[in-house]
N, C-alpha and C. Protein backbone atom coordinates (compact mmCIF):
# COMPACT_ATOMS: atom_id res chain seq x y z
N MET A 1 18.62 14.67 -0.57
CA MET A 1 19.15 15.85 -0.19
C MET A 1 17.20 15.46 1.01
N ARG A 2 17.97 15.88 2.39
CA ARG A 2 16.91 16.20 3.45
C ARG A 2 16.06 17.78 3.87
N PHE A 3 14.96 17.79 4.28
CA PHE A 3 14.39 18.41 4.31
C PHE A 3 14.91 19.04 5.78
N PRO A 4 15.41 20.66 5.37
CA PRO A 4 15.94 21.62 6.89
C PRO A 4 15.22 21.02 8.03
N ASN A 5 15.60 21.17 9.18
CA ASN A 5 15.36 20.97 10.52
C ASN A 5 15.37 22.43 11.44
N THR A 6 16.53 23.55 10.89
CA THR A 6 16.52 24.33 11.79
C THR A 6 15.44 25.43 10.86
N GLU A 7 15.48 26.58 11.33
CA GLU A 7 14.62 28.13 10.93
C GLU A 7 14.99 28.72 10.30
N SER A 8 16.61 28.79 10.11
CA SER A 8 17.46 29.82 9.54
C SER A 8 17.43 28.81 7.92
N LYS A 9 17.68 27.52 7.94
CA LYS A 9 17.89 26.51 6.85
C LYS A 9 17.01 26.10 6.20
N ILE A 10 15.31 26.82 6.77
CA ILE A 10 14.14 26.55 5.96
C ILE A 10 14.16 27.88 5.42
N ILE A 11 14.17 28.61 5.79
CA ILE A 11 14.36 30.39 5.12
C ILE A 11 14.72 30.56 4.45
N ALA A 12 16.45 29.84 4.53
CA ALA A 12 17.52 30.08 2.71
C ALA A 12 16.92 29.74 1.70
N LEU A 13 16.46 28.28 2.09
CA LEU A 13 15.73 27.35 1.12
C LEU A 13 14.39 27.71 0.95
N ALA A 14 13.72 28.27 1.10
CA ALA A 14 12.28 28.87 0.64
C ALA A 14 12.77 29.70 -0.23
N GLN A 15 13.51 31.24 0.17
CA GLN A 15 14.62 31.87 -0.45
C GLN A 15 14.84 31.48 -1.62
N LYS A 16 15.76 30.36 -1.87
CA LYS A 16 15.52 30.05 -3.06
C LYS A 16 15.02 29.74 -3.95
N MET A 17 13.85 28.72 -3.34
CA MET A 17 13.26 28.23 -4.07
C MET A 17 12.23 28.85 -5.11
N ILE A 18 12.12 30.44 -4.04
CA ILE A 18 11.47 31.07 -4.80
C ILE A 18 11.91 31.86 -5.94
N SER A 19 13.57 32.35 -5.56
CA SER A 19 13.58 32.55 -6.47
C SER A 19 14.02 31.91 -8.03
N GLY A 20 14.24 30.41 -7.62
CA GLY A 20 14.57 29.31 -8.79
C GLY A 20 13.44 28.62 -9.78
N PHE A 21 11.83 29.27 -8.72
CA PHE A 21 10.44 28.93 -9.14
C PHE A 21 10.76 30.75 -10.27
N THR A 22 10.94 31.20 -9.53
CA THR A 22 10.59 32.54 -10.47
C THR A 22 10.89 32.78 -11.70
N ASN A 23 12.03 31.74 -11.99
CA ASN A 23 13.36 32.21 -13.34
C ASN A 23 13.85 31.63 -13.67
N ASN A 24 12.99 29.89 -13.30
CA ASN A 24 13.23 28.73 -14.17
C ASN A 24 12.21 28.26 -15.00
N PRO A 25 12.22 27.98 -16.18
CA PRO A 25 11.09 27.63 -16.98
C PRO A 25 11.04 26.55 -17.21
N ASN A 26 11.74 25.46 -16.60
CA ASN A 26 11.85 23.97 -16.50
C ASN A 26 10.40 23.92 -15.23
N PHE A 27 9.68 24.33 -14.15
CA PHE A 27 8.81 24.48 -13.47
C PHE A 27 7.51 25.48 -14.05
N PRO A 28 6.92 25.38 -15.44
CA PRO A 28 5.83 26.11 -15.85
C PRO A 28 4.76 25.86 -14.30
N ALA A 29 4.32 25.51 -13.86
CA ALA A 29 2.73 25.54 -13.23
C ALA A 29 2.73 25.19 -12.06
N PRO A 30 3.44 25.91 -10.62
CA PRO A 30 3.47 24.76 -9.80
C PRO A 30 2.35 24.99 -9.50
N PRO A 31 2.26 23.82 -7.70
CA PRO A 31 1.11 24.16 -6.99
C PRO A 31 0.58 25.26 -6.08
N ILE A 32 1.53 25.90 -6.35
CA ILE A 32 1.71 27.03 -5.29
C ILE A 32 2.89 28.14 -5.98
N THR A 33 2.05 29.28 -6.39
CA THR A 33 3.06 29.83 -6.99
C THR A 33 4.14 30.28 -6.10
N PRO A 34 5.13 30.89 -6.54
CA PRO A 34 6.46 31.87 -6.35
C PRO A 34 6.06 32.36 -4.77
N ALA A 35 5.00 33.69 -5.52
CA ALA A 35 4.41 34.94 -4.48
C ALA A 35 3.32 33.97 -3.50
N GLN A 36 3.23 33.10 -3.38
CA GLN A 36 2.47 32.58 -1.92
C GLN A 36 3.00 31.97 -1.42
N LEU A 37 4.08 31.53 -1.93
CA LEU A 37 5.33 31.49 -0.89
C LEU A 37 6.29 32.34 -0.22
N GLN A 38 5.95 33.23 -1.06
CA GLN A 38 7.01 34.47 -0.65
C GLN A 38 5.74 35.06 0.41
N ALA A 39 4.47 35.20 0.35
CA ALA A 39 3.83 35.54 2.11
C ALA A 39 3.71 34.61 2.07
N ARG A 40 4.31 33.51 2.18
CA ARG A 40 4.14 32.66 3.58
C ARG A 40 5.62 32.50 4.07
N LEU A 41 6.51 32.70 3.63
CA LEU A 41 8.06 33.13 4.21
C LEU A 41 7.69 34.18 4.85
N ASP A 42 6.89 35.54 4.05
CA ASP A 42 7.33 36.68 4.96
C ASP A 42 6.50 36.91 6.26
N ALA A 43 4.82 35.36 6.54
CA ALA A 43 4.26 35.77 7.65
C ALA A 43 5.16 34.69 8.64
N ALA A 44 6.32 33.15 8.00
CA ALA A 44 6.99 33.16 8.84
C ALA A 44 7.99 33.86 9.23
N VAL A 45 8.36 35.07 8.75
CA VAL A 45 9.34 35.98 9.24
C VAL A 45 8.97 36.51 10.59
N SER A 46 8.15 36.85 10.02
CA SER A 46 7.83 38.02 10.80
C SER A 46 6.86 37.62 12.00
N SER A 47 6.52 36.36 12.42
CA SER A 47 6.28 35.66 13.64
C SER A 47 7.67 35.58 14.24
N SER A 48 8.48 34.96 13.52
CA SER A 48 9.38 34.72 13.96
C SER A 48 9.81 35.86 14.81
N ASP A 49 10.02 37.22 14.31
CA ASP A 49 10.43 38.37 15.04
C ASP A 49 10.14 38.66 16.09
N ALA A 50 8.42 39.00 15.59
CA ALA A 50 7.48 39.14 17.23
C ALA A 50 8.03 38.03 18.20
N GLN A 51 7.89 36.92 18.20
CA GLN A 51 8.49 35.84 19.24
C GLN A 51 9.42 36.24 19.42
N VAL A 52 10.62 37.22 19.52
CA VAL A 52 11.95 37.12 19.57
C VAL A 52 11.49 38.96 20.55
N SER A 53 11.03 39.63 19.74
CA SER A 53 10.80 40.99 20.52
C SER A 53 9.29 41.18 21.28
N THR A 54 8.55 39.80 21.37
CA THR A 54 7.88 39.57 21.94
C THR A 54 7.94 38.79 23.57
N GLN A 55 8.67 39.67 24.62
CA GLN A 55 8.43 38.29 25.42
C GLN A 55 7.26 37.86 26.40
N ALA A 56 6.23 39.23 26.67
CA ALA A 56 5.01 38.85 26.96
C ALA A 56 3.77 37.83 26.31
N ALA A 57 4.24 38.00 25.33
CA ALA A 57 3.48 36.86 24.29
C ALA A 57 4.26 36.06 24.06
N ALA A 58 5.04 35.53 24.37
CA ALA A 58 5.75 34.62 23.99
C ALA A 58 5.19 33.03 23.34
N LYS A 59 4.53 32.54 24.23
CA LYS A 59 3.33 31.64 23.86
C LYS A 59 2.90 31.81 22.88
N GLN A 60 2.01 32.99 22.66
CA GLN A 60 1.24 33.93 21.64
C GLN A 60 2.01 33.80 20.24
N ALA A 61 2.86 34.00 20.53
CA ALA A 61 3.99 34.36 19.12
C ALA A 61 4.84 32.96 18.68
N THR A 62 4.92 32.74 19.84
CA THR A 62 5.49 30.82 19.53
C THR A 62 4.33 29.52 18.63
N ASP A 63 2.85 29.67 18.80
CA ASP A 63 1.78 29.27 18.69
C ASP A 63 2.12 29.76 17.15
N ALA A 64 1.47 31.17 16.91
CA ALA A 64 1.69 31.31 15.93
C ALA A 64 2.30 31.15 14.39
N LYS A 65 4.06 31.41 15.04
CA LYS A 65 5.10 30.68 14.31
C LYS A 65 5.13 29.89 13.61
N GLN A 66 5.17 28.80 14.93
CA GLN A 66 5.20 27.66 14.64
C GLN A 66 3.76 27.16 14.04
N ALA A 67 2.82 27.53 14.15
CA ALA A 67 1.69 27.42 12.35
C ALA A 67 2.32 28.40 11.25
N ASP A 68 2.49 29.07 11.25
CA ASP A 68 2.93 29.85 9.77
C ASP A 68 4.05 28.46 9.25
N PHE A 69 4.96 28.67 9.91
CA PHE A 69 6.32 27.39 9.93
C PHE A 69 5.83 26.05 8.90
N ASP A 70 4.32 26.12 9.79
CA ASP A 70 3.50 24.18 9.37
C ASP A 70 3.10 24.48 8.52
N SER A 71 2.74 25.73 8.03
CA SER A 71 2.27 26.06 6.61
C SER A 71 3.18 26.38 5.38
N LEU A 72 3.76 26.89 6.12
CA LEU A 72 5.34 27.21 4.97
C LEU A 72 5.84 25.92 4.71
N MET A 73 6.22 25.15 5.47
CA MET A 73 6.92 23.62 5.12
C MET A 73 5.73 23.14 4.85
N THR A 74 4.49 22.59 4.43
CA THR A 74 3.60 22.02 4.04
C THR A 74 3.72 22.29 2.44
N ASP A 75 3.96 23.53 2.52
CA ASP A 75 3.32 24.20 0.62
C ASP A 75 4.76 23.78 0.51
N MET A 76 6.05 24.36 0.92
CA MET A 76 7.48 23.47 0.13
C MET A 76 7.73 22.28 -0.30
N LYS A 77 7.21 21.71 1.09
CA LYS A 77 7.33 20.39 0.65
C LYS A 77 6.16 19.91 -0.93
N THR A 78 5.24 20.46 -1.09
CA THR A 78 4.32 20.50 -2.30
C THR A 78 4.85 21.13 -3.24
N MET A 79 5.87 22.09 -3.27
CA MET A 79 6.41 22.27 -4.72
C MET A 79 7.35 21.53 -4.46
N LEU A 80 7.82 20.81 -3.80
CA LEU A 80 9.71 20.09 -4.05
C LEU A 80 8.89 18.98 -4.68
N HIS A 81 8.27 18.26 -4.40
CA HIS A 81 7.55 17.23 -5.09
C HIS A 81 6.58 16.97 -6.23
N TYR A 82 6.29 18.45 -6.28
CA TYR A 82 5.55 18.91 -7.77
C TYR A 82 7.19 19.26 -9.06
N ALA A 83 8.21 19.78 -7.93
CA ALA A 83 9.38 19.80 -8.82
C ALA A 83 10.23 18.38 -9.33
N GLU A 84 10.26 18.00 -7.90
CA GLU A 84 11.37 16.18 -8.63
C GLU A 84 10.25 15.09 -9.79
N ASP A 85 9.08 15.59 -9.50
CA ASP A 85 8.37 14.57 -10.60
C ASP A 85 8.30 15.25 -11.61
N THR A 86 8.50 16.91 -11.95
CA THR A 86 8.17 17.44 -13.23
C THR A 86 9.40 16.85 -14.24
N VAL A 87 10.75 17.51 -13.23
CA VAL A 87 11.74 17.02 -14.06
C VAL A 87 12.89 15.81 -13.51
N HIS A 88 11.70 14.80 -13.59
CA HIS A 88 11.89 12.96 -13.08
C HIS A 88 13.21 13.09 -11.92
N GLY A 89 12.87 13.65 -11.18
CA GLY A 89 14.31 14.31 -10.57
C GLY A 89 15.95 14.76 -10.17
N ASP A 90 15.90 14.84 -11.69
CA ASP A 90 17.04 15.56 -12.52
C ASP A 90 17.59 16.85 -11.09
N ASP A 91 18.94 15.83 -10.66
CA ASP A 91 19.32 17.18 -9.60
C ASP A 91 20.09 18.54 -10.09
N SER A 92 20.77 18.27 -11.42
CA SER A 92 20.85 19.45 -12.17
C SER A 92 19.95 20.54 -12.13
N LYS A 93 18.48 20.37 -12.00
CA LYS A 93 17.87 20.98 -12.39
C LYS A 93 16.94 21.40 -10.78
N LEU A 94 16.83 20.37 -10.14
CA LEU A 94 16.22 20.60 -9.00
C LEU A 94 17.53 21.39 -8.02
N SER A 95 18.83 21.45 -8.35
CA SER A 95 19.62 22.06 -7.45
C SER A 95 19.38 24.18 -7.76
N GLU A 96 18.67 24.13 -9.09
CA GLU A 96 18.73 25.93 -8.93
C GLU A 96 17.15 26.27 -7.92
N LEU A 97 16.70 25.16 -7.56
CA LEU A 97 15.54 25.55 -6.43
C LEU A 97 16.26 25.55 -4.84
N GLY A 98 17.45 25.20 -4.63
CA GLY A 98 18.40 24.27 -4.02
C GLY A 98 17.96 23.12 -2.99
N TRP A 99 17.74 22.27 -3.91
CA TRP A 99 16.87 20.99 -3.63
C TRP A 99 18.26 20.02 -4.78
N GLY A 100 17.24 18.35 -4.04
CA GLY A 100 18.44 17.80 -4.75
C GLY A 100 17.49 16.64 -5.03
N GLY A 101 17.53 15.53 -6.22
CA GLY A 101 16.83 14.44 -6.36
C GLY A 101 16.95 13.92 -4.68
N ARG A 102 15.81 12.38 -4.87
CA ARG A 102 16.13 11.86 -3.94
C ARG A 102 17.04 10.90 -3.95
N ALA A 103 18.11 10.09 -2.95
CA ALA A 103 19.19 9.50 -2.51
C ALA A 103 18.75 8.01 -2.88
N GLU A 104 19.72 7.24 -3.81
CA GLU A 104 18.96 6.09 -4.08
C GLU A 104 19.64 5.35 -2.99
N PRO A 105 18.52 4.14 -2.42
CA PRO A 105 18.24 3.46 -1.36
C PRO A 105 19.86 2.55 -1.11
N HIS A 106 20.04 1.95 -0.70
CA HIS A 106 21.88 1.65 -0.39
C HIS A 106 21.24 -0.04 -0.20
N ALA A 107 22.08 -0.41 -2.22
CA ALA A 107 21.85 -2.08 -1.55
C ALA A 107 21.95 -2.82 -0.53
N LEU A 108 21.33 -3.93 -0.07
CA LEU A 108 21.29 -4.58 1.47
C LEU A 108 22.54 -5.91 0.63
N GLN A 109 23.42 -5.95 1.47
CA GLN A 109 24.92 -6.78 1.60
C GLN A 109 24.59 -7.56 2.12
N VAL A 110 24.82 -9.10 1.55
CA VAL A 110 25.02 -10.78 2.24
C VAL A 110 25.77 -10.03 3.77
N PRO A 111 25.16 -11.12 4.16
CA PRO A 111 25.88 -11.23 5.58
C PRO A 111 27.31 -11.70 5.98
N GLY A 112 27.92 -11.42 6.58
CA GLY A 112 29.54 -11.76 6.90
C GLY A 112 29.27 -13.43 7.22
N GLN A 113 30.56 -13.59 7.84
CA GLN A 113 30.22 -15.19 8.71
C GLN A 113 30.75 -14.35 10.05
N PRO A 114 29.72 -15.78 10.43
CA PRO A 114 29.68 -15.44 12.04
C PRO A 114 31.07 -15.95 12.51
N ARG A 115 30.70 -15.64 14.05
CA ARG A 115 32.82 -15.71 14.22
C ARG A 115 32.57 -16.71 15.38
N LEU A 116 33.29 -16.61 15.93
CA LEU A 116 33.89 -18.28 17.46
C LEU A 116 32.56 -19.03 17.82
N LEU A 117 32.10 -19.67 16.81
CA LEU A 117 31.07 -20.97 16.91
C LEU A 117 31.63 -21.58 18.09
N GLU A 118 30.69 -21.84 19.44
CA GLU A 118 31.21 -22.84 20.52
C GLU A 118 30.49 -23.98 20.73
N ALA A 119 30.76 -24.77 21.18
CA ALA A 119 29.25 -25.80 22.03
C ALA A 119 29.56 -25.34 23.39
N LEU A 120 28.15 -24.74 24.11
CA LEU A 120 28.09 -24.32 25.14
C LEU A 120 28.19 -25.60 25.80
N GLU A 121 27.38 -25.63 25.62
CA GLU A 121 27.09 -27.35 26.56
C GLU A 121 26.56 -28.42 25.91
N GLN A 122 26.61 -29.39 26.47
CA GLN A 122 25.61 -30.70 25.53
C GLN A 122 25.26 -31.91 26.69
N GLY A 123 24.37 -32.64 26.35
CA GLY A 123 24.02 -33.77 27.00
C GLY A 123 23.17 -34.94 26.23
N ALA A 124 22.60 -35.91 26.79
CA ALA A 124 22.04 -37.21 25.62
C ALA A 124 21.08 -35.98 25.15
N GLY A 125 21.13 -36.57 23.74
CA GLY A 125 20.58 -35.76 22.50
C GLY A 125 20.25 -34.26 22.61
N TRP A 126 20.43 -33.08 23.17
CA TRP A 126 20.98 -32.14 23.16
C TRP A 126 22.34 -30.74 22.92
N LEU A 127 21.88 -29.87 22.70
CA LEU A 127 23.70 -28.92 22.80
C LEU A 127 23.60 -27.39 22.08
N THR A 128 23.62 -26.83 22.87
CA THR A 128 24.12 -25.30 22.58
C THR A 128 25.09 -24.95 22.47
N LEU A 129 24.81 -24.40 20.67
CA LEU A 129 25.30 -23.17 20.48
C LEU A 129 25.44 -22.48 20.79
N ASP A 130 27.07 -21.27 20.50
CA ASP A 130 26.88 -19.94 20.88
C ASP A 130 27.78 -19.74 19.61
N TRP A 131 27.71 -18.19 19.04
CA TRP A 131 28.30 -17.51 17.95
C TRP A 131 28.37 -16.54 18.58
N LYS A 132 29.30 -15.56 17.64
CA LYS A 132 29.10 -14.04 17.80
C LYS A 132 28.52 -13.68 15.94
N LYS A 133 28.14 -12.57 15.92
CA LYS A 133 27.66 -11.44 14.67
C LYS A 133 28.63 -11.64 13.67
N PRO A 134 28.59 -11.47 12.77
CA PRO A 134 29.20 -11.41 11.39
C PRO A 134 29.55 -10.04 11.53
N ALA A 135 31.27 -10.10 11.36
CA ALA A 135 31.97 -8.29 11.70
C ALA A 135 32.10 -7.56 10.89
N ASP A 136 31.07 -8.27 9.49
CA ASP A 136 31.19 -7.46 8.21
C ASP A 136 30.40 -7.64 7.88
N GLY A 137 29.85 -6.90 6.06
CA GLY A 137 28.56 -6.95 5.69
C GLY A 137 26.99 -7.13 5.73
N GLY A 138 26.60 -7.89 5.62
CA GLY A 138 24.91 -6.82 5.80
C GLY A 138 24.57 -7.12 7.16
N ALA A 139 23.22 -6.52 7.71
CA ALA A 139 23.35 -7.20 8.85
C ALA A 139 22.17 -9.02 8.89
N ALA A 140 22.64 -9.99 9.80
CA ALA A 140 22.08 -11.00 9.50
C ALA A 140 20.53 -11.09 10.08
N ALA A 141 19.25 -11.54 9.55
CA ALA A 141 18.06 -11.76 9.53
C ALA A 141 17.88 -12.62 10.63
N SER A 142 18.66 -13.48 9.52
CA SER A 142 18.45 -15.24 10.74
C SER A 142 19.96 -15.91 10.41
N TYR A 143 20.17 -17.15 11.64
CA TYR A 143 20.92 -17.71 11.34
C TYR A 143 20.67 -19.17 11.31
N ARG A 144 21.09 -20.14 10.22
CA ARG A 144 21.11 -21.14 10.16
C ARG A 144 21.99 -22.42 10.11
N ILE A 145 21.44 -23.16 11.27
CA ILE A 145 22.09 -23.96 11.48
C ILE A 145 22.95 -25.45 10.79
N GLU A 146 23.72 -25.86 10.63
CA GLU A 146 23.66 -26.82 9.86
C GLU A 146 24.38 -27.87 10.40
N ARG A 147 24.68 -29.42 10.14
CA ARG A 147 25.74 -30.60 10.67
C ARG A 147 25.63 -31.70 9.29
N ARG A 148 26.82 -31.92 9.36
CA ARG A 148 26.72 -33.99 8.53
C ARG A 148 27.58 -34.64 9.93
N ASP A 149 27.32 -35.74 10.00
CA ASP A 149 26.93 -36.97 10.64
C ASP A 149 29.04 -37.70 10.22
N LEU A 150 29.40 -36.88 10.68
CA LEU A 150 31.11 -37.41 10.77
C LEU A 150 31.23 -39.08 11.02
N SER A 151 30.08 -39.90 11.71
CA SER A 151 30.16 -41.35 12.05
C SER A 151 29.77 -41.74 10.73
N GLU A 152 29.43 -41.26 9.88
CA GLU A 152 28.71 -41.45 8.28
C GLU A 152 29.76 -41.25 7.22
N GLY A 153 30.77 -40.76 7.85
CA GLY A 153 32.21 -40.16 6.99
C GLY A 153 32.08 -38.86 6.23
N GLY A 154 31.03 -37.84 6.94
CA GLY A 154 30.88 -36.68 6.77
C GLY A 154 29.91 -35.85 5.41
N GLY A 155 29.49 -36.38 3.97
CA GLY A 155 28.18 -35.97 3.66
C GLY A 155 28.17 -34.41 3.53
N ALA A 156 27.00 -34.54 2.62
CA ALA A 156 26.35 -33.48 2.63
C ALA A 156 25.94 -32.91 4.40
N TRP A 157 26.13 -31.17 4.39
CA TRP A 157 25.59 -30.68 4.96
C TRP A 157 23.89 -29.90 5.27
N LYS A 158 23.67 -30.79 6.23
CA LYS A 158 21.75 -31.01 6.57
C LYS A 158 21.10 -29.65 7.49
N LEU A 159 20.56 -29.04 7.14
CA LEU A 159 19.09 -28.28 7.87
C LEU A 159 19.38 -29.05 9.77
N ALA A 160 19.72 -27.81 10.57
CA ALA A 160 19.75 -28.36 12.08
C ALA A 160 18.88 -27.83 13.03
N GLY A 161 18.69 -26.22 12.21
CA GLY A 161 17.79 -25.26 13.00
C GLY A 161 17.63 -23.83 12.84
N MET A 162 17.36 -23.23 13.20
CA MET A 162 17.30 -21.60 12.42
C MET A 162 17.40 -20.91 14.03
N ALA A 163 17.81 -19.76 13.76
CA ALA A 163 17.70 -19.01 15.63
C ALA A 163 17.75 -17.18 14.44
N VAL A 164 16.93 -16.36 15.16
CA VAL A 164 17.27 -15.04 15.61
C VAL A 164 18.06 -15.06 16.17
N ASP A 165 18.41 -15.25 17.17
CA ASP A 165 19.71 -14.62 18.18
C ASP A 165 20.83 -16.00 18.03
N THR A 166 22.09 -15.28 18.81
CA THR A 166 23.21 -15.33 18.31
C THR A 166 22.97 -16.96 19.36
N GLU A 167 22.33 -17.92 19.70
CA GLU A 167 22.29 -19.37 20.50
C GLU A 167 21.54 -19.90 20.38
N ILE A 168 21.41 -21.41 20.26
CA ILE A 168 21.02 -22.04 19.57
C ILE A 168 20.71 -23.05 20.50
N THR A 169 19.21 -24.11 21.48
CA THR A 169 19.45 -25.39 21.76
C THR A 169 18.68 -26.49 20.69
N LEU A 170 19.30 -27.23 20.60
CA LEU A 170 19.05 -28.43 19.58
C LEU A 170 18.47 -29.27 20.22
N ASN A 171 17.47 -29.73 20.11
CA ASN A 171 17.00 -31.32 21.10
C ASN A 171 16.73 -31.76 20.05
N ASN A 172 16.46 -33.36 19.91
CA ASN A 172 16.72 -34.15 20.28
C ASN A 172 17.78 -34.93 18.73
N GLN A 173 18.94 -34.63 19.07
CA GLN A 173 19.86 -35.23 18.24
C GLN A 173 20.23 -36.61 18.84
N THR A 174 20.35 -37.58 17.58
CA THR A 174 20.31 -38.48 18.07
C THR A 174 22.34 -38.69 18.36
N ARG A 175 21.78 -40.19 19.29
CA ARG A 175 22.55 -40.16 20.22
C ARG A 175 23.76 -41.17 19.97
N GLY A 176 25.33 -40.92 20.63
CA GLY A 176 26.03 -41.94 19.94
C GLY A 176 26.55 -41.61 18.65
N LYS A 177 26.16 -40.52 18.13
CA LYS A 177 26.73 -39.98 16.52
C LYS A 177 27.87 -38.76 16.95
N GLU A 178 28.61 -38.59 16.12
CA GLU A 178 29.52 -37.64 15.98
C GLU A 178 29.28 -36.75 15.26
N PHE A 179 28.99 -35.34 15.39
CA PHE A 179 28.50 -34.87 14.68
C PHE A 179 29.04 -33.32 14.71
N GLU A 180 29.08 -32.54 12.89
CA GLU A 180 30.06 -31.45 13.23
C GLU A 180 28.92 -30.45 12.67
N TYR A 181 28.91 -29.34 13.19
CA TYR A 181 28.07 -28.31 13.03
C TYR A 181 28.68 -27.16 12.93
N ARG A 182 27.84 -25.84 11.91
CA ARG A 182 28.23 -25.31 11.70
C ARG A 182 26.95 -23.84 11.15
N VAL A 183 27.48 -22.81 11.08
CA VAL A 183 26.29 -21.94 11.40
C VAL A 183 26.35 -21.03 10.49
N ILE A 184 25.97 -20.37 9.36
CA ILE A 184 25.31 -19.60 8.35
C ILE A 184 24.36 -18.52 8.70
N ALA A 185 25.01 -16.79 8.32
CA ALA A 185 24.22 -15.33 8.43
C ALA A 185 23.05 -16.11 7.28
N VAL A 186 21.89 -15.36 7.57
CA VAL A 186 21.31 -14.91 5.78
C VAL A 186 20.65 -13.68 6.45
N ASN A 187 19.70 -12.98 4.81
CA ASN A 187 19.20 -11.94 5.01
C ASN A 187 18.89 -11.93 3.92
N LYS A 188 18.18 -11.30 2.97
CA LYS A 188 16.95 -11.13 2.02
C LYS A 188 17.56 -11.35 1.00
N ALA A 189 19.51 -10.41 1.17
CA ALA A 189 20.44 -10.43 -0.22
C ALA A 189 21.04 -12.01 -0.04
N GLY A 190 20.71 -13.11 0.28
CA GLY A 190 21.47 -14.20 0.17
C GLY A 190 22.19 -14.56 1.80
N ASP A 191 22.90 -15.49 1.58
CA ASP A 191 23.44 -16.46 2.98
C ASP A 191 25.18 -15.81 2.62
N GLY A 192 25.54 -16.04 4.15
CA GLY A 192 26.73 -14.90 4.05
C GLY A 192 27.71 -16.84 4.47
N GLY A 193 28.90 -16.51 4.49
CA GLY A 193 29.82 -17.36 4.29
C GLY A 193 29.45 -18.50 5.90
N PRO A 194 30.06 -19.87 5.88
CA PRO A 194 29.93 -20.86 7.04
C PRO A 194 31.42 -20.10 7.64
N SER A 195 30.30 -20.81 9.49
CA SER A 195 30.99 -19.82 10.86
C SER A 195 33.08 -20.93 10.88
N ASN A 196 33.47 -20.78 11.94
CA ASN A 196 33.80 -22.18 12.10
C ASN A 196 33.11 -23.03 12.55
N THR A 197 33.66 -24.81 12.58
CA THR A 197 32.53 -25.78 12.91
C THR A 197 33.42 -25.73 14.69
N VAL A 198 31.83 -26.91 14.95
CA VAL A 198 32.28 -28.00 15.94
C VAL A 198 32.22 -29.39 15.77
N THR A 199 32.71 -29.83 17.01
CA THR A 199 32.37 -31.18 16.69
C THR A 199 31.93 -31.52 18.15
N ALA A 200 30.78 -33.05 18.07
CA ALA A 200 30.17 -33.07 19.72
C ALA A 200 29.29 -34.37 19.34
N VAL A 201 29.67 -35.24 20.14
CA VAL A 201 29.14 -36.42 20.38
C VAL A 201 28.70 -36.64 21.54
N LEU A 202 27.13 -37.04 20.84
CA LEU A 202 25.58 -36.78 21.73
C LEU A 202 25.31 -38.53 22.70
């Protein structure tokens, strides 16, 4: 759950927290008492009302209101951190305060398959390859370019280069041989599936 970013929602959460901390035995010793939080809330609401009603002193009222809301939010966050630690993130108990446990981070997915690999240009001993990002899976951190020697019957794929963008120029390629190239997207979760292949004689 995210901390609210509008005054009305901050006030609503503060009221729920005050009620929850007052009536709930699951939180026996909060670092800020419900009465102290109530005082913070009263000050913030009072300052907010003053801002609306006092046009001539709008700047001063705004500053005072912001300072009170900053103090209120600091105290609220302190109490919420205490509550989360006390009940070990139990959503059912935290819901009595109008709050919820921290969301579990999403697991990083393996990238999908790079698309539309093609040879843009080539010359004596060099080749420029271009491809499109995977359409699915996790974001690619880098791309591994592999080749195999068709002049010798194919065989195992070997590393030809690494790229962080979707284009690479491979230099110092053996001349007079026919190579097959492919691209694999990589991130911390692992390797994605290989792209289509392109063949070139350099």
